[in-house]
Amino acid sequence: MVVAKKEKSEAKKKSPGKGKPEKAKVVPVTPPPNVKQRTVVTPWRDTLEFNTTYKWLFGKSNTPATWRQALSKIRIWCLRRGNLCPAAVLATSVLVQAQLEDKEGSAKIQDTYASAFTRFYNFMSSIIQGHNMTSMYETAKELGLQSFIVDLRHLCAHGQELPPVEVLRNTSLHCLEWLRNYYWLPHMETMSNLDAGKLHRKDKLKFEKAVTDLLEIYDLTLECHIKGAEKLKAISKLKSSVEFNKIRVYSSRKKAKTSKEILSAVLGDLSALVKKESSSMKDLLDIYTKCLLKMEYFLGVGLQIDDDEDAIIAATQGLFRLLAVQGYTEKVFLALVQLAENQNESDQRRLGASYWAKKMLETFGMLFRMKRMYKAELDLNDKLKPAVFATLNTDQISKTMRSLLVHSNADLSVTLIFGDNPKKSRSLVFDRDFIKQRVAAFSNFSAPILKGLIPLADPPYTKTQAEDLTKLCDAPLEEFYGEEAMEEEESNNQDYLEQFLGQAAQGKEHTSEWGVWKLDKHTDWPKCALGVLPWVQ
């Protein structure tokens, strides 16, 4: 499927002048007509595929073999676009199929031609009758078909006796030539390829703007909240007139009186917006994540911590809980990791991304320990009340969950508290290939992330391996090396980390023996062809 540009002429016709004869004078060169470009989705991949099919159908060297190729290609187009395949293409295929059977000497060629001719007219009349109900003769006139085509179609569909084969054969040739001039040639001359990646759907642009506007309000209000400006009067002294006006208008619309209430209102609007668009937009998550990483204050707030990290965590709990409910936690975490590793980004943004990725890893580790403790308790007492980890995304936490939180060995005042996605509960662990990829971009920005990944490795590292790798991550590179020698020494350290992780990955078998059976833990089954075992490929 290709997205193509189709040019449509909009030149206005002028009636010849009336009255006195005009004097002979130099006629200026007529400027080219205004051309309007419109974007259409076609069943053919590109203009080359369309032009090739045209040559198979109407080229000077066309044969029954090229006709079959063209018909095969048109069947593929029908599979790609279904009932949206152009009517003129379908009309062409039925006539060519009839001519092909005529060449092969079909015994029922008269019936074949009659059926093909009837279908041809029905396909073409559907273009006009989709807009208004008209008579067949008016439809034919609007299409540019002669009136005898309508008479012949009537005989083929309702006549007691079919027209002679020779008449049907000649009419078929006439209609194919008409299709060539009416549809195929104009399209071949006016179409051009368009890169689908450069297209922006209106609904996507509208969604992106709505998310960006809401997150801008959130970012501005978060700064005011952290700096102690709760009321609008205090906010007006902290922000510029333009920024304050945005907050004031939003707070007035939502009847929010404090910065905390404004933050809560923004999260409510984000939740409603995603629910409205989630079923119809394929790239919603990518757009949402991109907008999230545009927030300037949010990304850098963790770098301004003195003794107020608990205030920052408390203020942003709602945002991370919303991400967990929406099922976006993993995607946002990966985006933060990639931002921290991106050498083309500013140091400020990389440090901010590293901070939030580290805080999310602390929460993943806390959840991992909580689930392990709960499983151990459940093995001892099968009457234990069920623990729903999705309730961590709310303020109503059960007694069992509170107990698990307390014993999770986490400082709850500076740890983001969010739980599972209600629709998909799972433990967030990371395979060793993912960790090796982080090693490839090792730097002082990504070192805290790599350190946080070590306890969540699957299969887990041995105690010695984890301790050695943690020491490497803790090494403050900027203190040991000067700025000039930093890149060379970091590269050497990077090679060593890759070698270490490679050895560590081989230190544990990928399968466990179960008698004559083996339990495979690392096969990526979704990438496996149906009915084919991965080790047989």
Protein backbone atom coordinates (compact mmCIF):
# COMPACT_ATOMS: atom_id res chain seq x y z
CA MET A 1 0.00 0.00 0.00
CA VAL A 2 1.35 3.39 -0.98
CA VAL A 3 0.34 6.91 -0.30
CA ALA A 4 0.38 8.93 -3.49
CA LYS A 5 -0.31 12.46 -4.59
CA LYS A 6 -2.99 12.91 -7.19
CA GLU A 7 -3.15 16.18 -9.09
CA LYS A 8 -6.52 17.59 -9.96
CA SER A 9 -6.87 20.41 -12.46
CA GLU A 10 -9.02 23.30 -11.41
CA ALA A 11 -8.67 25.48 -14.48
CA LYS A 12 -11.87 27.37 -15.19
CA LYS A 13 -13.32 27.30 -18.70
CA LYS A 14 -14.10 30.64 -20.31
CA SER A 15 -16.83 31.10 -22.89
CA PRO A 16 -15.80 32.73 -26.17
CA GLY A 17 -16.29 36.46 -26.33
CA LYS A 18 -19.42 37.93 -27.93
CA GLY A 19 -20.08 41.15 -29.74
CA LYS A 20 -17.60 43.06 -31.89
CA PRO A 21 -14.79 41.13 -33.64
CA GLU A 22 -11.56 41.44 -31.79
CA LYS A 23 -8.56 43.13 -33.35
CA ALA A 24 -5.54 41.05 -34.14
CA LYS A 25 -3.11 41.27 -31.28
CA VAL A 26 -0.41 39.25 -29.64
CA VAL A 27 -1.93 36.62 -27.41
CA PRO A 28 0.03 36.28 -24.16
CA VAL A 29 1.19 32.86 -23.08
CA THR A 30 -1.49 31.22 -20.97
CA PRO A 31 -0.19 30.42 -17.49
CA PRO A 32 -0.50 26.82 -16.37
CA PRO A 33 -3.77 26.00 -14.59
CA ASN A 34 -3.87 25.91 -10.83
CA VAL A 35 -3.19 22.40 -9.66
CA LYS A 36 -4.50 21.08 -6.38
CA GLN A 37 -2.67 18.17 -4.81
CA ARG A 38 -4.58 15.71 -2.69
CA THR A 39 -3.33 12.71 -0.81
CA VAL A 40 -4.96 9.35 -1.46
CA VAL A 41 -4.11 5.86 -0.23
CA THR A 42 -3.79 3.47 -3.16
CA PRO A 43 -3.66 -0.33 -3.31
CA TRP A 44 -0.48 -0.24 -5.39
CA ARG A 45 2.81 0.15 -3.57
CA ASP A 46 4.18 2.95 -5.75
CA THR A 47 3.90 4.50 -9.21
CA LEU A 48 6.26 1.89 -10.64
CA GLU A 49 3.85 -0.92 -9.71
CA PHE A 50 0.92 0.97 -11.27
CA ASN A 51 2.85 1.77 -14.48
CA THR A 52 4.04 -1.83 -14.82
CA THR A 53 0.47 -3.12 -14.55
CA TYR A 54 -0.60 -0.58 -17.18
CA LYS A 55 2.04 -1.88 -19.59
CA TRP A 56 0.93 -5.48 -18.98
CA LEU A 57 -2.63 -4.46 -19.86
CA PHE A 58 -2.23 -1.91 -22.67
CA GLY A 59 1.40 -2.08 -23.80
CA LYS A 60 2.33 -2.76 -27.44
CA SER A 61 3.91 -6.08 -26.51
CA ASN A 62 1.07 -7.30 -24.29
CA THR A 63 0.13 -10.98 -24.55
CA PRO A 64 -2.21 -13.37 -22.73
CA ALA A 65 0.73 -14.02 -20.36
CA THR A 66 1.04 -10.31 -19.47
CA TRP A 67 -2.74 -10.12 -19.03
CA ARG A 68 -2.53 -12.91 -16.47
CA GLN A 69 0.23 -11.03 -14.67
CA ALA A 70 -1.93 -7.91 -14.59
CA LEU A 71 -4.97 -9.81 -13.31
CA SER A 72 -2.85 -11.41 -10.60
CA LYS A 73 -1.58 -7.99 -9.53
CA ILE A 74 -5.14 -6.58 -9.45
CA ARG A 75 -6.23 -9.47 -7.21
CA ILE A 76 -3.43 -8.45 -4.82
CA TRP A 77 -4.71 -4.88 -4.91
CA CYS A 78 -8.19 -6.13 -3.98
CA LEU A 79 -6.73 -7.98 -1.00
CA ARG A 80 -4.90 -4.86 0.13
CA ARG A 81 -7.83 -2.44 -0.05
CA GLY A 82 -10.91 -4.68 -0.22
CA ASN A 83 -14.01 -2.80 -1.37
CA LEU A 84 -11.95 0.41 -1.55
CA CYS A 85 -10.12 -0.80 -4.66
CA PRO A 86 -10.98 1.68 -7.49
CA ALA A 87 -14.07 0.73 -9.50
CA ALA A 88 -12.26 1.42 -12.80
CA VAL A 89 -9.57 -1.13 -11.89
CA LEU A 90 -12.21 -3.76 -11.11
CA ALA A 91 -14.06 -2.94 -14.35
CA THR A 92 -10.82 -3.38 -16.29
CA SER A 93 -10.15 -6.76 -14.71
CA VAL A 94 -13.56 -8.27 -15.65
CA LEU A 95 -13.22 -7.21 -19.29
CA VAL A 96 -9.63 -8.46 -19.57
CA GLN A 97 -10.63 -11.77 -17.95
CA ALA A 98 -13.37 -12.18 -20.57
CA GLN A 99 -10.97 -11.44 -23.42
CA LEU A 100 -8.47 -13.90 -21.99
CA GLU A 101 -11.11 -16.66 -21.95
CA ASP A 102 -12.04 -15.70 -25.53
CA LYS A 103 -8.42 -16.17 -26.59
CA GLU A 104 -8.40 -19.60 -24.92
CA GLY A 105 -11.51 -20.65 -26.89
CA SER A 106 -14.06 -20.89 -24.08
CA ALA A 107 -17.29 -22.66 -25.11
CA LYS A 108 -19.43 -20.24 -23.05
CA ILE A 109 -17.75 -17.06 -24.21
CA GLN A 110 -21.04 -15.34 -25.01
CA ASP A 111 -22.24 -15.71 -21.42
CA THR A 112 -18.81 -14.68 -20.14
CA TYR A 113 -18.79 -11.48 -22.22
CA ALA A 114 -22.38 -10.65 -21.23
CA SER A 115 -21.60 -11.06 -17.53
CA ALA A 116 -18.35 -9.10 -17.79
CA PHE A 117 -20.02 -6.28 -19.70
CA THR A 118 -22.84 -6.02 -17.13
CA ARG A 119 -20.36 -5.93 -14.27
CA PHE A 120 -18.27 -3.31 -16.10
CA TYR A 121 -21.22 -0.93 -16.33
CA ASN A 122 -22.28 -1.59 -12.71
CA PHE A 123 -18.76 -0.83 -11.45
CA MET A 124 -18.56 2.42 -13.38
CA SER A 125 -22.09 3.61 -12.56
CA SER A 126 -21.37 3.09 -8.84
CA ILE A 127 -18.97 6.05 -9.04
CA ILE A 128 -21.82 8.40 -9.93
CA GLN A 129 -24.74 6.77 -8.11
CA GLY A 130 -22.81 6.96 -4.86
CA HIS A 131 -23.56 10.70 -4.94
CA ASN A 132 -27.01 11.03 -6.55
CA MET A 133 -29.69 8.86 -8.08
CA THR A 134 -29.91 9.36 -11.85
CA SER A 135 -31.11 7.37 -14.84
CA MET A 136 -28.70 5.00 -16.60
CA TYR A 137 -28.51 7.25 -19.66
CA GLU A 138 -27.68 10.30 -17.55
CA THR A 139 -25.06 8.28 -15.70
CA ALA A 140 -23.48 7.12 -18.95
CA LYS A 141 -23.50 10.69 -20.28
CA GLU A 142 -21.82 11.99 -17.12
CA LEU A 143 -19.15 9.29 -17.41
CA GLY A 144 -18.60 9.98 -21.09
CA LEU A 145 -20.01 6.67 -22.34
CA GLN A 146 -22.21 6.39 -25.43
CA SER A 147 -25.91 5.62 -24.95
CA PHE A 148 -25.67 2.33 -26.86
CA ILE A 149 -23.63 0.97 -23.93
CA VAL A 150 -26.73 1.29 -21.73
CA ASP A 151 -28.89 -0.49 -24.33
CA LEU A 152 -26.35 -3.29 -24.65
CA ARG A 153 -26.09 -3.65 -20.89
CA HIS A 154 -29.90 -3.94 -20.67
CA LEU A 155 -29.91 -6.72 -23.26
CA CYS A 156 -27.14 -8.58 -21.42
CA ALA A 157 -28.90 -8.30 -18.04
CA HIS A 158 -32.57 -8.64 -18.97
CA GLY A 159 -32.87 -9.61 -22.64
CA GLN A 160 -34.37 -12.93 -23.69
CA GLU A 161 -31.53 -13.39 -26.17
CA LEU A 162 -27.92 -12.31 -25.75
CA PRO A 163 -26.26 -10.06 -28.37
CA PRO A 164 -23.93 -11.77 -30.87
CA VAL A 165 -20.41 -12.62 -29.69
CA GLU A 166 -18.85 -10.31 -32.27
CA VAL A 167 -20.82 -7.34 -30.95
CA LEU A 168 -19.82 -8.15 -27.37
CA ARG A 169 -16.19 -8.64 -28.37
CA ASN A 170 -16.00 -5.29 -30.20
CA THR A 171 -17.81 -3.50 -27.38
CA SER A 172 -15.39 -4.98 -24.88
CA LEU A 173 -12.45 -3.60 -26.88
CA HIS A 174 -14.17 -0.23 -27.07
CA CYS A 175 -14.79 -0.13 -23.30
CA LEU A 176 -11.21 -1.13 -22.50
CA GLU A 177 -9.93 1.71 -24.66
CA TRP A 178 -12.35 4.05 -22.91
CA LEU A 179 -11.03 2.88 -19.50
CA ARG A 180 -7.47 3.45 -20.66
CA ASN A 181 -8.23 7.06 -21.59
CA TYR A 182 -10.68 7.75 -18.77
CA TYR A 183 -8.75 6.27 -15.84
CA TRP A 184 -5.37 4.64 -16.47
CA LEU A 185 -3.61 7.32 -18.54
CA PRO A 186 -4.68 10.32 -16.38
CA HIS A 187 -3.57 8.53 -13.22
CA MET A 188 -0.26 7.47 -14.71
CA GLU A 189 0.47 11.06 -15.78
CA THR A 190 -0.55 12.81 -12.55
CA MET A 191 0.42 10.47 -9.71
CA SER A 192 3.64 10.81 -7.76
CA ASN A 193 5.00 8.93 -4.77
CA LEU A 194 4.73 10.38 -1.32
CA ASP A 195 6.68 9.23 1.72
CA ALA A 196 4.07 7.93 4.16
CA GLY A 197 6.38 8.73 7.07
CA LYS A 198 5.97 12.46 6.36
CA LEU A 199 2.20 12.34 6.62
CA HIS A 200 0.50 13.65 9.73
CA ARG A 201 -3.05 12.61 10.35
CA LYS A 202 -5.29 15.36 11.62
CA ASP A 203 -6.44 13.29 14.57
CA LYS A 204 -2.81 12.64 15.59
CA LEU A 205 -1.92 16.32 15.37
CA LYS A 206 -5.01 17.22 17.38
CA PHE A 207 -4.20 14.62 20.03
CA GLU A 208 -0.55 15.71 20.22
CA LYS A 209 -1.54 19.35 20.67
CA ALA A 210 -4.05 18.46 23.39
CA VAL A 211 -1.50 16.36 25.32
CA THR A 212 1.22 19.00 24.88
CA ASP A 213 -1.05 21.77 26.20
CA LEU A 214 -2.08 19.72 29.24
CA LEU A 215 1.48 18.68 30.08
CA GLU A 216 2.63 22.29 29.70
CA ILE A 217 0.11 23.31 32.35
CA TYR A 218 1.28 20.39 34.50
CA ASP A 219 4.95 21.37 34.12
CA LEU A 220 4.33 25.02 34.98
CA THR A 221 2.12 24.16 37.93
CA LEU A 222 4.54 21.51 39.24
CA GLU A 223 7.28 24.13 39.49
CA CYS A 224 4.98 26.46 41.40
CA HIS A 225 3.89 23.65 43.72
CA ILE A 226 7.46 22.56 44.50
CA LYS A 227 8.49 26.16 45.17
CA GLY A 228 5.60 26.67 47.59
CA ALA A 229 3.32 28.81 45.41
CA GLU A 230 -0.11 27.28 46.03
CA LYS A 231 -2.55 30.11 45.41
CA LEU A 232 -2.91 32.01 42.14
CA LYS A 233 -1.65 35.22 43.78
CA ALA A 234 1.63 33.50 44.69
CA ILE A 235 1.84 31.88 41.26
CA SER A 236 1.49 35.28 39.54
CA LYS A 237 4.64 36.47 41.31
CA LEU A 238 6.59 33.39 40.27
CA LYS A 239 5.64 33.03 36.61
CA SER A 240 5.68 35.40 33.65
CA SER A 241 2.42 37.00 32.56
CA VAL A 242 2.03 34.61 29.59
CA GLU A 243 2.65 31.49 31.68
CA PHE A 244 0.47 32.72 34.53
CA ASN A 245 -2.37 33.47 32.13
CA LYS A 246 -2.30 29.85 30.88
CA ILE A 247 -2.53 28.55 34.45
CA ARG A 248 -5.22 31.08 35.39
CA VAL A 249 -7.46 30.24 32.42
CA TYR A 250 -7.16 26.50 33.05
CA SER A 251 -7.76 26.80 36.80
CA SER A 252 -10.80 28.98 36.16
CA ARG A 253 -12.24 26.42 33.71
CA LYS A 254 -11.64 23.56 36.16
CA LYS A 255 -12.57 25.63 39.26
CA ALA A 256 -9.25 24.65 40.85
CA LYS A 257 -8.04 27.01 43.57
CA THR A 258 -4.60 25.59 44.40
CA SER A 259 -1.65 24.23 42.44
CA LYS A 260 -2.32 20.77 43.88
CA GLU A 261 -5.89 20.85 42.58
CA ILE A 262 -4.65 22.00 39.17
CA LEU A 263 -2.20 19.09 38.98
CA SER A 264 -5.00 16.68 39.83
CA ALA A 265 -7.29 18.24 37.21
CA VAL A 266 -4.62 17.89 34.49
CA LEU A 267 -4.18 14.19 35.29
CA GLY A 268 -7.94 13.70 35.08
CA ASP A 269 -8.06 15.36 31.66
CA LEU A 270 -5.10 13.28 30.44
CA SER A 271 -6.84 10.09 31.55
CA ALA A 272 -10.08 11.04 29.77
CA LEU A 273 -8.21 12.07 26.62
CA VAL A 274 -6.32 8.77 26.35
CA LYS A 275 -9.47 6.72 26.99
CA LYS A 276 -11.24 8.58 24.20
CA GLU A 277 -8.50 8.03 21.61
CA SER A 278 -6.89 4.71 22.66
CA SER A 279 -9.08 2.48 20.49
CA SER A 280 -8.71 4.50 17.29
CA MET A 281 -5.10 5.69 17.25
CA LYS A 282 -2.22 3.33 16.62
CA ASP A 283 0.68 5.65 17.55
CA LEU A 284 -0.96 7.12 20.65
CA LEU A 285 1.69 5.78 23.05
CA ASP A 286 4.61 7.17 21.04
CA ILE A 287 2.97 10.59 20.83
CA TYR A 288 2.15 10.56 24.55
CA THR A 289 5.72 9.62 25.52
CA LYS A 290 7.25 12.25 23.23
CA CYS A 291 5.07 14.95 24.77
CA LEU A 292 5.96 13.75 28.27
CA LEU A 293 9.68 14.18 27.63
CA LYS A 294 9.15 17.76 26.45
CA MET A 295 8.43 18.92 30.02
CA GLU A 296 11.45 20.98 31.02
CA TYR A 297 10.94 21.47 34.75
CA PHE A 298 9.73 17.91 35.37
CA LEU A 299 12.79 16.45 33.65
CA GLY A 300 15.22 18.53 35.70
CA VAL A 301 13.44 18.80 39.04
CA GLY A 302 15.30 15.81 40.48
CA LEU A 303 18.63 17.56 39.92
CA GLN A 304 17.67 20.42 42.25
CA ILE A 305 17.17 18.20 45.28
CA ASP A 306 18.48 19.28 48.66
CA ASP A 307 16.35 17.83 51.40
CA ASP A 308 13.05 18.05 49.53
CA GLU A 309 13.08 14.85 47.46
CA ASP A 310 10.09 13.60 49.44
CA ALA A 311 8.13 16.66 48.28
CA ILE A 312 9.08 16.01 44.64
CA ILE A 313 8.08 12.35 44.86
CA ALA A 314 4.79 13.18 46.58
CA ALA A 315 3.97 15.77 43.89
CA THR A 316 4.66 13.41 40.97
CA GLN A 317 3.09 10.22 42.40
CA GLY A 318 -0.15 10.93 40.56
CA LEU A 319 1.54 11.16 37.16
CA PHE A 320 3.33 7.82 37.54
CA ARG A 321 0.20 6.15 38.87
CA LEU A 322 -1.67 7.38 35.81
CA LEU A 323 1.04 5.91 33.56
CA ALA A 324 0.72 2.59 35.39
CA VAL A 325 -3.07 2.54 34.99
CA GLN A 326 -2.73 3.34 31.29
CA GLY A 327 -0.11 0.62 30.83
CA TYR A 328 2.56 3.10 29.66
CA THR A 329 5.14 2.50 32.40
CA GLU A 330 7.44 0.26 30.39
CA LYS A 331 7.42 2.52 27.32
CA VAL A 332 8.14 5.65 29.35
CA PHE A 333 10.95 3.90 31.22
CA LEU A 334 12.57 2.79 27.95
CA ALA A 335 12.25 6.33 26.54
CA LEU A 336 13.99 7.74 29.63
CA VAL A 337 16.81 5.19 29.30
CA GLN A 338 17.33 6.02 25.63
CA LEU A 339 17.33 9.74 26.40
CA ALA A 340 19.98 9.27 29.11
CA GLU A 341 22.15 7.33 26.63
CA ASN A 342 21.69 9.77 23.72
CA GLN A 343 24.96 11.67 23.22
CA ASN A 344 23.21 14.27 21.05
CA GLU A 345 21.04 15.44 23.95
CA SER A 346 22.11 18.10 26.45
CA ASP A 347 23.74 17.01 29.71
CA GLN A 348 20.86 18.54 31.66
CA ARG A 349 18.22 16.44 29.89
CA ARG A 350 20.36 13.29 30.11
CA LEU A 351 20.84 13.75 33.86
CA GLY A 352 17.13 14.37 34.37
CA ALA A 353 16.19 11.26 32.39
CA SER A 354 18.75 9.24 34.35
CA TYR A 355 17.23 10.41 37.63
CA TRP A 356 13.65 9.43 36.77
CA ALA A 357 14.73 6.12 35.22
CA LYS A 358 16.60 5.34 38.45
CA LYS A 359 13.52 6.20 40.54
CA MET A 360 11.35 3.93 38.37
CA LEU A 361 13.88 1.10 38.77
CA GLU A 362 13.68 1.52 42.55
CA THR A 363 9.92 1.03 42.28
CA PHE A 364 10.33 -2.01 39.98
CA GLY A 365 12.70 -3.52 42.55
CA MET A 366 10.28 -2.78 45.38
CA LEU A 367 7.42 -4.45 43.49
CA PHE A 368 9.62 -7.44 42.68
CA ARG A 369 10.47 -7.94 46.36
CA MET A 370 6.85 -7.45 47.43
CA LYS A 371 5.60 -10.09 44.99
CA ARG A 372 8.31 -12.50 46.07
CA MET A 373 7.37 -12.03 49.73
CA TYR A 374 3.68 -12.48 48.97
CA LYS A 375 4.36 -15.70 47.05
CA ALA A 376 6.40 -17.04 49.94
CA GLU A 377 3.59 -16.22 52.39
CA LEU A 378 1.02 -17.76 50.07
CA ASP A 379 2.98 -21.01 49.90
CA LEU A 380 2.80 -21.21 53.70
CA ASN A 381 -0.80 -20.03 54.06
CA ASP A 382 -3.15 -20.67 51.15
CA LYS A 383 -5.95 -18.82 52.98
CA LEU A 384 -4.06 -15.56 52.76
CA LYS A 385 -6.14 -12.69 51.38
CA PRO A 386 -5.41 -11.91 47.73
CA ALA A 387 -3.04 -9.02 47.08
CA VAL A 388 -4.02 -6.87 44.09
CA PHE A 389 -0.92 -4.87 43.19
CA ALA A 390 -2.94 -2.58 40.91
CA THR A 391 -4.41 -0.99 44.06
CA LEU A 392 -1.03 0.71 44.60
CA ASN A 393 -2.20 3.16 41.90
CA THR A 394 -4.84 4.46 44.34
CA ASP A 395 -4.89 5.79 47.88
CA GLN A 396 -7.05 2.90 49.06
CA ILE A 397 -4.44 0.25 49.88
CA SER A 398 -5.36 -2.95 51.69
CA LYS A 399 -3.80 -4.03 54.96
CA THR A 400 -1.89 -6.82 53.18
CA MET A 401 -0.43 -4.38 50.67
CA ARG A 402 0.57 -1.95 53.40
CA SER A 403 2.37 -4.72 55.24
CA LEU A 404 4.22 -5.73 52.07
CA LEU A 405 5.19 -2.09 51.48
CA VAL A 406 6.60 -1.74 54.96
CA HIS A 407 8.69 -4.91 54.62
CA SER A 408 9.86 -4.16 51.05
CA ASN A 409 13.10 -2.60 52.31
CA ALA A 410 12.31 0.67 50.52
CA ASP A 411 12.27 4.22 51.87
CA LEU A 412 8.61 4.98 51.12
CA SER A 413 9.07 8.75 51.54
CA VAL A 414 11.38 8.96 48.49
CA THR A 415 10.07 6.00 46.45
CA LEU A 416 7.46 6.32 43.73
CA ILE A 417 4.48 4.19 44.75
CA PHE A 418 2.72 2.77 41.71
CA GLY A 419 1.58 -0.74 40.88
CA ASP A 420 0.59 -3.01 38.03
CA ASN A 421 -1.54 -2.20 35.06
CA PRO A 422 -5.01 -3.50 36.07
CA LYS A 423 -5.39 -5.31 32.73
CA LYS A 424 -1.91 -6.87 32.62
CA SER A 425 -0.23 -7.80 35.89
CA ARG A 426 3.42 -8.78 35.52
CA SER A 427 6.81 -8.56 37.21
CA LEU A 428 9.20 -6.20 35.53
CA VAL A 429 12.49 -8.03 35.05
CA PHE A 430 15.06 -7.47 32.32
CA ASP A 431 16.88 -10.10 30.29
CA ARG A 432 20.63 -9.95 29.97
CA ASP A 433 20.52 -8.84 26.34
CA PHE A 434 18.76 -5.65 27.44
CA ILE A 435 21.44 -5.05 30.07
CA LYS A 436 24.22 -5.67 27.53
CA GLN A 437 22.68 -3.00 25.33
CA ARG A 438 22.93 -0.55 28.23
CA VAL A 439 26.62 -1.45 28.60
CA ALA A 440 27.25 -0.43 25.00
CA ALA A 441 26.26 3.16 25.89
CA PHE A 442 27.86 3.18 29.35
CA SER A 443 28.60 6.65 30.74
CA ASN A 444 28.24 8.56 33.96
CA PHE A 445 24.66 9.33 32.83
CA SER A 446 23.66 5.69 32.37
CA ALA A 447 25.69 4.20 35.25
CA PRO A 448 22.86 4.65 37.82
CA ILE A 449 20.44 2.95 35.41
CA LEU A 450 22.77 0.01 34.84
CA LYS A 451 23.24 -0.35 38.59
CA GLY A 452 19.47 -0.44 39.11
CA LEU A 453 19.05 -3.12 36.44
CA ILE A 454 21.48 -5.58 38.08
CA PRO A 455 19.07 -6.92 40.78
CA LEU A 456 16.31 -7.28 38.16
CA ALA A 457 18.34 -9.37 35.69
CA ASP A 458 16.77 -12.55 34.33
CA PRO A 459 18.37 -15.02 34.81
CA PRO A 460 19.84 -13.38 37.92
CA TYR A 461 23.55 -12.77 38.31
CA THR A 462 25.46 -14.55 41.04
CA LYS A 463 26.22 -12.54 44.15
CA THR A 464 29.85 -12.05 43.11
CA GLN A 465 28.94 -10.95 39.59
CA ALA A 466 26.36 -8.47 40.89
CA GLU A 467 28.83 -7.00 43.40
CA ASP A 468 31.59 -6.59 40.81
CA LEU A 469 29.27 -4.98 38.29
CA THR A 470 27.83 -2.66 40.95
CA LYS A 471 31.37 -1.47 41.82
CA LEU A 472 31.98 -0.61 38.18
CA CYS A 473 28.75 1.38 38.03
CA ASP A 474 29.58 3.22 41.27
CA ALA A 475 32.98 4.29 40.01
CA PRO A 476 32.77 8.09 39.61
CA LEU A 477 34.56 8.32 36.26
CA GLU A 478 34.76 12.09 36.27
CA GLU A 479 36.78 12.03 39.50
CA PHE A 480 39.39 9.54 38.27
CA TYR A 481 40.02 10.89 34.77
CA GLY A 482 40.55 14.34 33.37
CA GLU A 483 38.15 15.70 30.78
CA GLU A 484 40.67 15.20 27.93
CA ALA A 485 41.28 11.53 28.67
CA MET A 486 37.68 10.85 29.59
CA GLU A 487 36.55 9.42 26.21
CA GLU A 488 39.47 7.02 25.82
CA GLU A 489 39.26 5.67 29.36
CA GLU A 490 35.46 5.40 29.14
CA SER A 491 35.84 3.35 25.96
CA ASN A 492 38.26 0.96 27.70
CA ASN A 493 35.88 0.65 30.64
CA GLN A 494 33.06 0.01 28.19
CA ASP A 495 34.94 -2.85 26.52
CA TYR A 496 35.64 -4.37 29.92
CA LEU A 497 31.98 -4.18 30.91
CA GLU A 498 30.91 -5.86 27.69
CA GLN A 499 33.41 -8.66 28.24
CA PHE A 500 32.30 -9.05 31.85
CA LEU A 501 28.64 -9.24 30.98
CA GLY A 502 29.37 -11.72 28.20
CA GLN A 503 31.12 -13.99 30.67
CA ALA A 504 28.37 -13.52 33.24
CA ALA A 505 25.70 -14.45 30.72
CA GLN A 506 27.48 -17.74 30.09
CA GLY A 507 27.78 -18.45 33.79
CA LYS A 508 24.22 -19.79 34.01
CA GLU A 509 22.57 -22.35 31.74
CA HIS A 510 19.64 -21.15 29.69
CA THR A 511 17.72 -24.39 30.23
CA SER A 512 16.93 -26.53 33.23
CA GLU A 513 16.91 -30.32 33.08
CA TRP A 514 13.63 -32.07 33.86
CA GLY A 515 14.44 -35.70 33.14
CA VAL A 516 14.09 -36.13 29.39
CA TRP A 517 12.57 -32.62 29.17
CA LYS A 518 14.17 -29.19 29.06
CA LEU A 519 12.50 -26.01 30.24
CA ASP A 520 13.47 -23.22 27.84
CA LYS A 521 13.37 -19.80 29.46
CA HIS A 522 14.74 -17.53 26.77
CA THR A 523 13.05 -18.34 23.49
CA ASP A 524 11.26 -15.37 21.96
CA TRP A 525 8.12 -17.26 20.94
CA PRO A 526 6.25 -14.30 19.35
CA LYS A 527 9.01 -14.12 16.71
CA CYS A 528 8.65 -17.83 15.91
CA ALA A 529 6.79 -18.92 12.78
CA LEU A 530 3.55 -20.76 13.53
CA GLY A 531 4.15 -24.50 13.71
CA VAL A 532 7.95 -24.21 13.66
CA LEU A 533 10.16 -24.78 16.69
CA PRO A 534 12.87 -22.09 17.16
CA TRP A 535 15.76 -24.56 17.32
CA VAL A 536 14.65 -26.19 14.04
CA GLN A 537 14.73 -22.95 12.03
